[in-house]
Amino acid sequence: MSLATPVPGVLADVLPRTAVRNAILVIGGAAFVGLAAQVAIPLPFTPVPVTGQTFAVLLTAAALGTWRGVAAMLLYAVMGLAGVPWFAGGSAAFKEGALVVSFGYVLGFVVAAALVGWLAERGNTRTALRTAGLMVVGNLVIYTIGASWLAAAIDVPLAKAVELGVTPFMLGDALKVALAAGLFPLAWRAVERFTKG
């Protein structure tokens, strides 16, 4: 009787875990989100810009798993609070003494990373349909927290915050979900080919 090699839950586990490698993955995940945040397109009717952040957050969490994904988002949030200008459009969390109105989305990144990472560890990035499902769940978490923060920050009803901070981004997010749904199964197939020789 032979012991089979355990199947990795997330792409980051394809190679053996080491503390240095995990630290590099966490720092790289935070930097990836910071870079994606610089792709920011302001919209005239909302204080929340279109960015690549949510896509980067969900990809990072799905590839790294729960604890590394959460650690990457916490690092991203803490460094932004400390003044690193890597939030949307090169801003930091504090702008002239007030929290920026979109910081709730950053908090949502942490919670979404935990959930998406947990789901990914259970094999939910192996097929297009399951990948799409976990990306939709992650987006819902980010938008729930982000829109709630936005409503409080600009003192509007939650329905208005959804109109300003969720609705304008739904089409773009659907495209990002479709892209992720194609990328992850392809990546797993490549891993399987590589590991089989």
Protein backbone atom coordinates (compact mmCIF):
# COMPACT_ATOMS: atom_id res chain seq x y z
CA MET A 1 0.00 0.00 0.00
CA SER A 2 1.48 3.38 -1.00
CA LEU A 3 0.65 6.79 0.31
CA ALA A 4 -0.56 9.24 -2.30
CA THR A 5 0.79 12.77 -2.34
CA PRO A 6 -1.91 15.06 -0.98
CA VAL A 7 -3.59 17.24 -3.57
CA PRO A 8 -2.92 20.92 -2.88
CA GLY A 9 -5.99 22.94 -1.94
CA VAL A 10 -4.79 26.17 -3.52
CA LEU A 11 -2.27 27.00 -6.22
CA ALA A 12 0.19 28.41 -3.67
CA ASP A 13 0.48 24.94 -2.12
CA VAL A 14 1.73 23.29 -5.29
CA LEU A 15 5.30 23.88 -4.07
CA PRO A 16 6.41 23.00 -0.53
CA ARG A 17 5.59 25.57 2.16
CA THR A 18 8.39 27.48 3.85
CA ALA A 19 8.21 30.55 6.07
CA VAL A 20 10.18 32.62 3.56
CA ARG A 21 8.00 31.52 0.66
CA ASN A 22 4.83 32.27 2.61
CA ALA A 23 6.14 35.75 3.52
CA ILE A 24 6.96 36.43 -0.13
CA LEU A 25 3.48 35.30 -1.18
CA VAL A 26 1.81 37.54 1.42
CA ILE A 27 3.91 40.58 0.48
CA GLY A 28 3.41 39.83 -3.20
CA GLY A 29 -0.36 39.52 -2.71
CA ALA A 30 -0.53 42.90 -0.97
CA ALA A 31 1.64 44.49 -3.67
CA PHE A 32 -0.51 42.95 -6.43
CA VAL A 33 -3.63 44.55 -4.93
CA GLY A 34 -1.74 47.85 -4.52
CA LEU A 35 -0.70 47.79 -8.17
CA ALA A 36 -4.21 46.89 -9.33
CA ALA A 37 -5.54 49.84 -7.33
CA GLN A 38 -3.50 52.18 -9.50
CA VAL A 39 -5.71 51.24 -12.43
CA ALA A 40 -8.34 53.71 -11.26
CA ILE A 41 -10.94 55.38 -13.43
CA PRO A 42 -12.94 58.08 -11.64
CA LEU A 43 -16.64 58.26 -12.43
CA PRO A 44 -18.34 61.66 -12.30
CA PHE A 45 -21.45 60.42 -10.46
CA THR A 46 -19.82 58.46 -7.61
CA PRO A 47 -16.94 58.94 -5.18
CA VAL A 48 -15.87 55.31 -5.78
CA PRO A 49 -13.60 54.81 -8.81
CA VAL A 50 -13.45 51.79 -11.08
CA THR A 51 -10.30 49.86 -10.16
CA GLY A 52 -8.67 46.49 -10.58
CA GLN A 53 -8.63 45.95 -6.80
CA THR A 54 -11.53 43.57 -6.29
CA PHE A 55 -10.27 41.32 -9.06
CA ALA A 56 -6.76 41.29 -7.55
CA VAL A 57 -8.13 40.61 -4.05
CA LEU A 58 -10.21 37.65 -5.16
CA LEU A 59 -7.45 36.19 -7.34
CA THR A 60 -4.97 36.55 -4.48
CA ALA A 61 -7.25 34.93 -1.91
CA ALA A 62 -8.21 32.08 -4.24
CA ALA A 63 -4.56 31.40 -5.09
CA LEU A 64 -3.11 31.79 -1.57
CA GLY A 65 -5.83 30.34 0.64
CA THR A 66 -7.28 31.63 3.89
CA TRP A 67 -4.48 32.70 6.18
CA ARG A 68 -2.07 33.97 3.50
CA GLY A 69 -4.91 35.77 1.70
CA VAL A 70 -6.07 37.44 4.93
CA ALA A 71 -2.48 38.31 5.86
CA ALA A 72 -1.94 39.91 2.43
CA MET A 73 -5.11 42.02 2.74
CA LEU A 74 -4.28 43.03 6.33
CA LEU A 75 -0.80 44.08 5.18
CA TYR A 76 -2.36 46.06 2.34
CA ALA A 77 -4.79 47.80 4.73
CA VAL A 78 -2.24 48.51 7.49
CA MET A 79 0.37 49.85 5.08
CA GLY A 80 -2.25 52.09 3.49
CA LEU A 81 -3.28 53.37 6.91
CA ALA A 82 0.39 54.01 7.64
CA GLY A 83 0.58 56.26 4.59
CA VAL A 84 1.71 54.04 1.71
CA PRO A 85 -0.09 55.58 -1.29
CA TRP A 86 -1.32 52.34 -2.78
CA PHE A 87 -5.06 52.64 -2.34
CA ALA A 88 -7.15 53.56 -5.38
CA GLY A 89 -5.44 56.12 -7.55
CA GLY A 90 -2.37 56.48 -5.33
CA SER A 91 -4.15 57.56 -2.15
CA ALA A 92 -3.61 56.46 1.44
CA ALA A 93 -6.48 55.84 3.87
CA PHE A 94 -6.35 59.26 5.46
CA LYS A 95 -6.99 62.26 3.30
CA GLU A 96 -6.80 65.63 5.06
CA GLY A 97 -7.64 64.06 8.41
CA ALA A 98 -10.72 62.08 7.31
CA LEU A 99 -11.02 58.47 6.28
CA VAL A 100 -11.62 58.19 2.57
CA VAL A 101 -15.12 57.15 1.65
CA SER A 102 -14.04 53.91 0.00
CA PHE A 103 -12.04 52.47 2.92
CA GLY A 104 -14.95 50.14 3.69
CA TYR A 105 -14.10 48.24 0.54
CA VAL A 106 -10.58 47.69 1.90
CA LEU A 107 -12.09 46.25 5.08
CA GLY A 108 -14.30 44.08 2.88
CA PHE A 109 -11.15 42.78 1.17
CA VAL A 110 -9.99 41.21 4.44
CA VAL A 111 -13.30 39.44 5.10
CA ALA A 112 -13.66 38.38 1.46
CA ALA A 113 -10.10 36.98 1.48
CA ALA A 114 -10.98 34.81 4.47
CA LEU A 115 -14.11 33.40 2.84
CA VAL A 116 -12.74 33.03 -0.69
CA GLY A 117 -9.50 31.51 0.61
CA TRP A 118 -11.44 29.03 2.74
CA LEU A 119 -13.63 28.04 -0.20
CA ALA A 120 -10.61 27.74 -2.50
CA GLU A 121 -8.88 25.41 -0.03
CA ARG A 122 -11.83 23.06 -0.45
CA GLY A 123 -11.29 22.69 -4.20
CA ASN A 124 -13.60 25.42 -5.44
CA THR A 125 -11.18 26.76 -8.05
CA ARG A 126 -10.95 23.51 -10.02
CA THR A 127 -13.93 24.14 -12.32
CA ALA A 128 -15.20 27.25 -14.06
CA LEU A 129 -18.61 27.13 -12.38
CA ARG A 130 -17.27 26.74 -8.85
CA THR A 131 -14.63 29.43 -9.42
CA ALA A 132 -17.31 31.81 -10.67
CA GLY A 133 -19.43 31.03 -7.60
CA LEU A 134 -16.66 31.80 -5.12
CA MET A 135 -15.80 35.03 -6.97
CA VAL A 136 -19.44 36.14 -6.82
CA VAL A 137 -19.55 35.37 -3.08
CA GLY A 138 -16.34 37.36 -2.57
CA ASN A 139 -17.74 40.33 -4.48
CA LEU A 140 -20.93 40.24 -2.40
CA VAL A 141 -18.89 40.41 0.81
CA ILE A 142 -16.78 43.32 -0.46
CA TYR A 143 -19.82 45.25 -1.66
CA THR A 144 -21.84 44.65 1.48
CA ILE A 145 -19.12 46.08 3.72
CA GLY A 146 -18.03 48.75 1.23
CA ALA A 147 -21.52 50.09 0.58
CA SER A 148 -22.35 50.11 4.30
CA TRP A 149 -19.21 52.15 5.02
CA LEU A 150 -19.95 54.45 2.08
CA ALA A 151 -23.49 55.10 3.35
CA ALA A 152 -22.12 56.13 6.75
CA ALA A 153 -19.20 58.13 5.30
CA ILE A 154 -21.30 60.32 3.02
CA ASP A 155 -24.47 60.16 5.13
CA VAL A 156 -26.85 58.65 2.61
CA PRO A 157 -29.34 55.77 2.87
CA LEU A 158 -27.94 52.32 2.12
CA ALA A 159 -29.99 52.14 -1.12
CA LYS A 160 -28.26 55.29 -2.37
CA ALA A 161 -24.86 53.89 -1.36
CA VAL A 162 -25.62 50.74 -3.38
CA GLU A 163 -26.56 52.94 -6.34
CA LEU A 164 -23.25 54.81 -6.02
CA GLY A 165 -20.90 52.07 -4.85
CA VAL A 166 -22.19 48.78 -6.27
CA THR A 167 -24.45 49.15 -9.31
CA PRO A 168 -21.92 50.98 -11.57
CA PHE A 169 -19.42 48.15 -11.15
CA MET A 170 -21.59 45.09 -11.74
CA LEU A 171 -20.92 44.69 -15.47
CA GLY A 172 -17.15 44.99 -14.99
CA ASP A 173 -17.27 42.51 -12.13
CA ALA A 174 -19.20 40.03 -14.25
CA LEU A 175 -16.38 40.19 -16.80
CA LYS A 176 -13.77 39.72 -14.06
CA VAL A 177 -15.67 36.72 -12.67
CA ALA A 178 -15.77 35.18 -16.15
CA LEU A 179 -12.03 35.78 -16.58
CA ALA A 180 -11.22 34.18 -13.21
CA ALA A 181 -13.54 31.28 -14.01
CA GLY A 182 -11.42 30.58 -17.06
CA LEU A 183 -8.01 31.23 -15.49
CA PHE A 184 -8.14 28.96 -12.44
CA PRO A 185 -9.18 25.71 -14.16
CA LEU A 186 -6.50 26.36 -16.81
CA ALA A 187 -3.89 26.94 -14.10
CA TRP A 188 -4.87 23.68 -12.38
CA ARG A 189 -4.59 21.79 -15.66
CA ALA A 190 -1.11 23.24 -16.17
CA VAL A 191 -0.15 22.19 -12.64
CA GLU A 192 -1.40 18.66 -13.27
CA ARG A 193 0.58 18.41 -16.50
CA PHE A 194 3.70 19.78 -14.79
CA THR A 195 3.48 17.44 -11.80
CA LYS A 196 2.83 14.38 -13.95
CA GLY A 197 6.06 14.91 -15.82
